[in-house]
Each structure stands twice: as C-alpha cells, then as structure tokens.
PDB file of all heavy atoms in Angstrom:
ATOM      1  N   LYS A   1       0.846  -1.192   0.000  1.00  0.00           N
ATOM      2  CA  LYS A   1       0.000   0.000   0.000  1.00  0.00           C
ATOM      3  C   LYS A   1       0.886   1.248   0.000  1.00  0.00           C
ATOM      4  O   LYS A   1       1.869   1.322   0.745  1.00  0.00           O
ATOM      5  CB  LYS A   1      -0.886  -0.005   1.242  1.00  0.00           C
ATOM      6  CG  LYS A   1      -1.857   1.151   1.307  1.00  0.00           C
ATOM      7  CD  LYS A   1      -2.762   1.039   2.518  1.00  0.00           C
ATOM      8  CE  LYS A   1      -3.733   2.202   2.542  1.00  0.00           C
ATOM      9  NZ  LYS A   1      -4.642   2.117   3.678  1.00  0.00           N
ATOM     10  N   MET A   2       0.545   2.237  -0.831  1.00  0.00           N
ATOM     11  CA  MET A   2       1.306   3.479  -0.843  1.00  0.00           C
ATOM     12  C   MET A   2       1.023   4.207   0.463  1.00  0.00           C
ATOM     13  O   MET A   2       0.010   4.886   0.607  1.00  0.00           O
ATOM     14  CB  MET A   2       0.946   4.344  -2.056  1.00  0.00           C
ATOM     15  CG  MET A   2       1.550   3.830  -3.337  1.00  0.00           C
ATOM     16  SD  MET A   2       1.585   5.025  -4.681  1.00  0.00           S
ATOM     17  CE  MET A   2      -0.128   5.143  -5.116  1.00  0.00           C
ATOM     18  N   ASN A   3       1.918   4.034   1.412  1.00  0.00           N
ATOM     19  CA  ASN A   3       1.695   4.528   2.763  1.00  0.00           C
ATOM     20  C   ASN A   3       2.944   5.163   3.373  1.00  0.00           C
ATOM     21  O   ASN A   3       2.917   5.573   4.520  1.00  0.00           O
ATOM     22  CB  ASN A   3       1.221   3.363   3.641  1.00  0.00           C
ATOM     23  CG  ASN A   3       0.452   3.810   4.849  1.00  0.00           C
ATOM     24  OD1 ASN A   3      -0.156   4.871   4.862  1.00  0.00           O
ATOM     25  ND2 ASN A   3       0.484   3.001   5.895  1.00  0.00           N
ATOM     26  N   LEU A   4       4.046   5.244   2.596  1.00  0.00           N
ATOM     27  CA  LEU A   4       5.304   5.744   3.124  1.00  0.00           C
ATOM     28  C   LEU A   4       5.785   6.958   2.327  1.00  0.00           C
ATOM     29  O   LEU A   4       5.587   7.035   1.119  1.00  0.00           O
ATOM     30  CB  LEU A   4       6.377   4.651   3.076  1.00  0.00           C
ATOM     31  CG  LEU A   4       6.072   3.358   3.835  1.00  0.00           C
ATOM     32  CD1 LEU A   4       7.145   2.316   3.562  1.00  0.00           C
ATOM     33  CD2 LEU A   4       5.927   3.619   5.317  1.00  0.00           C
ATOM     34  N   SER A   5       6.443   7.872   3.021  1.00  0.00           N
ATOM     35  CA  SER A   5       6.995   9.062   2.370  1.00  0.00           C
ATOM     36  C   SER A   5       8.463   8.824   2.014  1.00  0.00           C
ATOM     37  O   SER A   5       9.075   7.837   2.444  1.00  0.00           O
ATOM     38  CB  SER A   5       6.893  10.262   3.314  1.00  0.00           C
ATOM     39  OG  SER A   5       7.816  10.114   4.384  1.00  0.00           O
ATOM     40  N   VAL A   6       9.031   9.764   1.287  1.00  0.00           N
ATOM     41  CA  VAL A   6      10.456   9.684   0.953  1.00  0.00           C
ATOM     42  C   VAL A   6      11.288   9.722   2.235  1.00  0.00           C
ATOM     43  O   VAL A   6      12.336   9.079   2.321  1.00  0.00           O
ATOM     44  CB  VAL A   6      10.865  10.793  -0.055  1.00  0.00           C
ATOM     45  CG1 VAL A   6      10.804  12.184   0.576  1.00  0.00           C
ATOM     46  CG2 VAL A   6      12.221  10.526  -0.680  1.00  0.00           C
ATOM     47  N   LYS A   7      10.821  10.436   3.249  1.00  0.00           N
ATOM     48  CA  LYS A   7      11.507  10.459   4.540  1.00  0.00           C
ATOM     49  C   LYS A   7      11.437   9.085   5.205  1.00  0.00           C
ATOM     50  O   LYS A   7      12.427   8.611   5.757  1.00  0.00           O
ATOM     51  CB  LYS A   7      10.877  11.509   5.461  1.00  0.00           C
ATOM     52  CG  LYS A   7      11.176  12.933   5.067  1.00  0.00           C
ATOM     53  CD  LYS A   7      10.381  13.941   5.855  1.00  0.00           C
ATOM     54  CE  LYS A   7      10.749  13.921   7.308  1.00  0.00           C
ATOM     55  NZ  LYS A   7      10.219  15.082   8.047  1.00  0.00           N
ATOM     56  N   ASP A   8      10.257   8.454   5.135  1.00  0.00           N
ATOM     57  CA  ASP A   8      10.058   7.157   5.780  1.00  0.00           C
ATOM     58  C   ASP A   8      10.976   6.078   5.210  1.00  0.00           C
ATOM     59  O   ASP A   8      11.402   5.183   5.942  1.00  0.00           O
ATOM     60  CB  ASP A   8       8.609   6.687   5.631  1.00  0.00           C
ATOM     61  CG  ASP A   8       7.612   7.565   6.364  1.00  0.00           C
ATOM     62  OD1 ASP A   8       7.980   8.174   7.390  1.00  0.00           O
ATOM     63  OD2 ASP A   8       6.455   7.651   5.894  1.00  0.00           O
ATOM     64  N   ILE A   9      11.256   6.154   3.902  1.00  0.00           N
ATOM     65  CA  ILE A   9      12.091   5.125   3.270  1.00  0.00           C
ATOM     66  C   ILE A   9      13.562   5.532   3.234  1.00  0.00           C
ATOM     67  O   ILE A   9      14.393   4.834   2.666  1.00  0.00           O
ATOM     68  CB  ILE A   9      11.614   4.800   1.838  1.00  0.00           C
ATOM     69  CG1 ILE A   9      11.795   6.014   0.921  1.00  0.00           C
ATOM     70  CG2 ILE A   9      10.175   4.293   1.844  1.00  0.00           C
ATOM     71  CD1 ILE A   9      11.872   5.668  -0.546  1.00  0.00           C
ATOM     72  N   ASP A  10      13.880   6.690   3.838  1.00  0.00           N
ATOM     73  CA  ASP A  10      15.240   7.227   3.809  1.00  0.00           C
ATOM     74  C   ASP A  10      15.691   7.444   2.365  1.00  0.00           C
ATOM     75  O   ASP A  10      16.836   7.194   2.004  1.00  0.00           O
ATOM     76  CB  ASP A  10      16.204   6.294   4.552  1.00  0.00           C
ATOM     77  CG  ASP A  10      17.312   7.054   5.247  1.00  0.00           C
ATOM     78  OD1 ASP A  10      17.162   8.276   5.453  1.00  0.00           O
ATOM     79  OD2 ASP A  10      18.335   6.430   5.568  1.00  0.00           O
ATOM     80  N   GLY A  11      14.735   7.914   1.541  1.00  0.00           N
ATOM     81  CA  GLY A  11      14.991   8.122   0.119  1.00  0.00           C
ATOM     82  C   GLY A  11      15.667   9.453  -0.164  1.00  0.00           C
ATOM     83  O   GLY A  11      15.881  10.276   0.725  1.00  0.00           O
ATOM     84  N   GLU A  12      15.980   9.631  -1.439  1.00  0.00           N
ATOM     85  CA  GLU A  12      16.707  10.814  -1.886  1.00  0.00           C
ATOM     86  C   GLU A  12      15.849  11.627  -2.850  1.00  0.00           C
ATOM     87  O   GLU A  12      14.841  11.139  -3.351  1.00  0.00           O
ATOM     88  CB  GLU A  12      18.000  10.376  -2.588  1.00  0.00           C
ATOM     89  CG  GLU A  12      18.882   9.519  -1.697  1.00  0.00           C
ATOM     90  CD  GLU A  12      20.096   8.967  -2.422  1.00  0.00           C
ATOM     91  OE1 GLU A  12      19.940   8.345  -3.490  1.00  0.00           O
ATOM     92  OE2 GLU A  12      21.204   9.181  -1.904  1.00  0.00           O
ATOM     93  N   THR A  13      16.250  12.867  -3.102  1.00  0.00           N
ATOM     94  CA  THR A  13      15.528  13.712  -4.057  1.00  0.00           C
ATOM     95  C   THR A  13      16.495  14.333  -5.050  1.00  0.00           C
ATOM     96  O   THR A  13      17.639  14.634  -4.713  1.00  0.00           O
ATOM     97  CB  THR A  13      14.745  14.838  -3.344  1.00  0.00           C
ATOM     98  OG1 THR A  13      15.647  15.636  -2.586  1.00  0.00           O
ATOM     99  CG2 THR A  13      13.656  14.267  -2.440  1.00  0.00           C
ATOM    100  N   LEU A  14      16.005  14.522  -6.270  1.00  0.00           N
ATOM    101  CA  LEU A  14      16.752  15.200  -7.321  1.00  0.00           C
ATOM    102  C   LEU A  14      15.846  16.283  -7.889  1.00  0.00           C
ATOM    103  O   LEU A  14      14.771  15.992  -8.413  1.00  0.00           O
ATOM    104  CB  LEU A  14      17.157  14.211  -8.419  1.00  0.00           C
ATOM    105  CG  LEU A  14      17.914  14.779  -9.619  1.00  0.00           C
ATOM    106  CD1 LEU A  14      19.216  15.431  -9.190  1.00  0.00           C
ATOM    107  CD2 LEU A  14      18.173  13.677 -10.637  1.00  0.00           C
ATOM    108  N   VAL A  15      16.264  17.551  -7.743  1.00  0.00           N
ATOM    109  CA  VAL A  15      15.451  18.695  -8.146  1.00  0.00           C
ATOM    110  C   VAL A  15      16.063  19.340  -9.390  1.00  0.00           C
ATOM    111  O   VAL A  15      17.256  19.637  -9.419  1.00  0.00           O
ATOM    112  CB  VAL A  15      15.361  19.749  -7.016  1.00  0.00           C
ATOM    113  CG1 VAL A  15      14.453  20.902  -7.427  1.00  0.00           C
ATOM    114  CG2 VAL A  15      14.880  19.114  -5.718  1.00  0.00           C
ATOM    115  N   VAL A  16      15.201  19.543 -10.406  1.00  0.00           N
ATOM    116  CA  VAL A  16      15.639  20.147 -11.665  1.00  0.00           C
ATOM    117  C   VAL A  16      14.711  21.310 -11.986  1.00  0.00           C
ATOM    118  O   VAL A  16      13.485  21.152 -11.999  1.00  0.00           O
ATOM    119  CB  VAL A  16      15.610  19.093 -12.807  1.00  0.00           C
ATOM    120  CG1 VAL A  16      15.946  19.730 -14.140  1.00  0.00           C
ATOM    121  CG2 VAL A  16      16.559  17.941 -12.495  1.00  0.00           C
ATOM    122  N   SER A  17      15.285  22.484 -12.239  1.00  0.00           N
ATOM    123  CA  SER A  17      14.470  23.653 -12.592  1.00  0.00           C
ATOM    124  C   SER A  17      13.882  23.449 -13.992  1.00  0.00           C
ATOM    125  O   SER A  17      14.531  22.875 -14.867  1.00  0.00           O
ATOM    126  CB  SER A  17      15.312  24.925 -12.550  1.00  0.00           C
ATOM    127  OG  SER A  17      16.369  24.852 -13.476  1.00  0.00           O
ATOM    128  N   ASN A  18      12.645  23.934 -14.186  1.00  0.00           N
ATOM    129  CA  ASN A  18      11.985  23.732 -15.471  1.00  0.00           C
ATOM    130  C   ASN A  18      10.934  24.817 -15.691  1.00  0.00           C
ATOM    131  O   ASN A  18       9.789  24.673 -15.257  1.00  0.00           O
ATOM    132  CB  ASN A  18      11.352  22.341 -15.508  1.00  0.00           C
ATOM    133  CG  ASN A  18      10.868  21.958 -16.876  1.00  0.00           C
ATOM    134  OD1 ASN A  18      10.283  22.780 -17.584  1.00  0.00           O
ATOM    135  ND2 ASN A  18      11.088  20.718 -17.249  1.00  0.00           N
ATOM    136  N   PHE A  19      11.313  25.885 -16.381  1.00  0.00           N
ATOM    137  CA  PHE A  19      10.385  26.999 -16.624  1.00  0.00           C
ATOM    138  C   PHE A  19       9.246  26.599 -17.551  1.00  0.00           C
ATOM    139  O   PHE A  19       8.189  27.220 -17.538  1.00  0.00           O
ATOM    140  CB  PHE A  19      11.122  28.230 -17.174  1.00  0.00           C
ATOM    141  CG  PHE A  19      11.556  28.101 -18.598  1.00  0.00           C
ATOM    142  CD1 PHE A  19      10.742  28.563 -19.618  1.00  0.00           C
ATOM    143  CD2 PHE A  19      12.774  27.527 -18.922  1.00  0.00           C
ATOM    144  CE1 PHE A  19      11.132  28.447 -20.945  1.00  0.00           C
ATOM    145  CE2 PHE A  19      13.178  27.407 -20.237  1.00  0.00           C
ATOM    146  CZ  PHE A  19      12.358  27.871 -21.254  1.00  0.00           C
ATOM    147  N   THR A  20       9.408  25.531 -18.343  1.00  0.00           N
ATOM    148  CA  THR A  20       8.355  25.147 -19.289  1.00  0.00           C
ATOM    149  C   THR A  20       7.110  24.594 -18.594  1.00  0.00           C
ATOM    150  O   THR A  20       6.070  24.455 -19.235  1.00  0.00           O
ATOM    151  CB  THR A  20       8.864  24.136 -20.337  1.00  0.00           C
ATOM    152  OG1 THR A  20       9.239  22.922 -19.693  1.00  0.00           O
ATOM    153  CG2 THR A  20      10.048  24.701 -21.112  1.00  0.00           C
ATOM    154  N   LEU A  21       7.191  24.332 -17.303  1.00  0.00           N
ATOM    155  CA  LEU A  21       5.999  23.920 -16.568  1.00  0.00           C
ATOM    156  C   LEU A  21       4.957  25.035 -16.537  1.00  0.00           C
ATOM    157  O   LEU A  21       3.782  24.786 -16.292  1.00  0.00           O
ATOM    158  CB  LEU A  21       6.350  23.512 -15.135  1.00  0.00           C
ATOM    159  CG  LEU A  21       7.195  22.260 -14.977  1.00  0.00           C
ATOM    160  CD1 LEU A  21       7.520  22.030 -13.509  1.00  0.00           C
ATOM    161  CD2 LEU A  21       6.491  21.059 -15.572  1.00  0.00           C
ATOM    162  N   ASN A  22       5.398  26.263 -16.780  1.00  0.00           N
ATOM    163  CA  ASN A  22       4.506  27.418 -16.761  1.00  0.00           C
ATOM    164  C   ASN A  22       3.980  27.771 -18.151  1.00  0.00           C
ATOM    165  O   ASN A  22       3.536  28.902 -18.381  1.00  0.00           O
ATOM    166  CB  ASN A  22       5.241  28.616 -16.166  1.00  0.00           C
ATOM    167  CG  ASN A  22       5.706  28.349 -14.755  1.00  0.00           C
ATOM    168  OD1 ASN A  22       4.929  27.888 -13.928  1.00  0.00           O
ATOM    169  ND2 ASN A  22       6.962  28.593 -14.480  1.00  0.00           N
ATOM    170  N   ALA A  23       4.016  26.835 -19.059  1.00  0.00           N
ATOM    171  CA  ALA A  23       3.612  27.094 -20.437  1.00  0.00           C
ATOM    172  C   ALA A  23       2.147  27.521 -20.539  1.00  0.00           C
ATOM    173  O   ALA A  23       1.266  26.945 -19.905  1.00  0.00           O
ATOM    174  CB  ALA A  23       3.823  25.847 -21.295  1.00  0.00           C
ATOM    175  N   ASN A  24       1.915  28.548 -21.357  1.00  0.00           N
ATOM    176  CA  ASN A  24       0.559  28.943 -21.727  1.00  0.00           C
ATOM    177  C   ASN A  24       0.357  28.421 -23.146  1.00  0.00           C
ATOM    178  O   ASN A  24       0.984  28.910 -24.085  1.00  0.00           O
ATOM    179  CB  ASN A  24       0.408  30.458 -21.683  1.00  0.00           C
ATOM    180  CG  ASN A  24      -0.948  30.918 -22.182  1.00  0.00           C
ATOM    181  OD1 ASN A  24      -1.795  30.118 -22.567  1.00  0.00           O
ATOM    182  ND2 ASN A  24      -1.153  32.219 -22.198  1.00  0.00           N
ATOM    183  N   TYR A  25      -0.482  27.426 -23.278  1.00  0.00           N
ATOM    184  CA  TYR A  25      -0.704  26.769 -24.564  1.00  0.00           C
ATOM    185  C   TYR A  25      -2.120  27.016 -25.080  1.00  0.00           C
ATOM    186  O   TYR A  25      -2.603  26.323 -25.958  1.00  0.00           O
ATOM    187  CB  TYR A  25      -0.447  25.265 -24.426  1.00  0.00           C
ATOM    188  CG  TYR A  25      -1.096  24.683 -23.191  1.00  0.00           C
ATOM    189  CD1 TYR A  25      -2.439  24.320 -23.182  1.00  0.00           C
ATOM    190  CD2 TYR A  25      -0.375  24.550 -22.021  1.00  0.00           C
ATOM    191  CE1 TYR A  25      -3.039  23.819 -22.039  1.00  0.00           C
ATOM    192  CE2 TYR A  25      -0.972  24.049 -20.865  1.00  0.00           C
ATOM    193  CZ  TYR A  25      -2.298  23.682 -20.892  1.00  0.00           C
ATOM    194  OH  TYR A  25      -2.886  23.197 -19.751  1.00  0.00           O
ATOM    195  N   SER A  26      -2.784  28.059 -24.552  1.00  0.00           N
ATOM    196  CA  SER A  26      -4.193  28.306 -24.867  1.00  0.00           C
ATOM    197  C   SER A  26      -4.416  28.905 -26.250  1.00  0.00           C
ATOM    198  O   SER A  26      -5.531  28.878 -26.751  1.00  0.00           O
ATOM    199  CB  SER A  26      -4.824  29.210 -23.811  1.00  0.00           C
ATOM    200  OG  SER A  26      -4.195  30.483 -23.811  1.00  0.00           O
ATOM    201  N   HIS A  27      -3.388  29.426 -26.844  1.00  0.00           N
ATOM    202  CA  HIS A  27      -3.556  30.041 -28.164  1.00  0.00           C
ATOM    203  C   HIS A  27      -2.449  29.539 -29.100  1.00  0.00           C
ATOM    204  O   HIS A  27      -1.296  29.398 -28.681  1.00  0.00           O
ATOM    205  CB  HIS A  27      -3.498  31.571 -28.057  1.00  0.00           C
ATOM    206  CG  HIS A  27      -2.221  32.056 -27.437  1.00  0.00           C
ATOM    207  ND1 HIS A  27      -2.033  32.064 -26.077  1.00  0.00           N
ATOM    208  CD2 HIS A  27      -1.063  32.501 -27.982  1.00  0.00           C
ATOM    209  CE1 HIS A  27      -0.806  32.515 -25.814  1.00  0.00           C
ATOM    210  NE2 HIS A  27      -0.197  32.782 -26.944  1.00  0.00           N
ATOM    211  N   GLY A  28      -2.818  29.242 -30.321  1.00  0.00           N
ATOM    212  CA  GLY A  28      -1.838  28.781 -31.303  1.00  0.00           C
ATOM    213  C   GLY A  28      -1.162  27.500 -30.885  1.00  0.00           C
ATOM    214  O   GLY A  28      -1.614  26.776 -30.007  1.00  0.00           O
TER     215      GLY A  28
END
C-alpha cells in the first residue's frame, strides 16, 4: 500500500528547474 513518504524510506531527491511547466498553450 502506498503509505510511506520519501523520509520514511530514507529516500533521496533530485530537483531540476523547469520553466516550461509554466507554459501557456491556450492560443496557437
């Protein structure tokens, strides 16, 4: 069961900046 966090499993994180997440695709 999905019941544990990244902290609970002593897991790691990798963060990557990505400005394209803010894309406005409503026109054209």
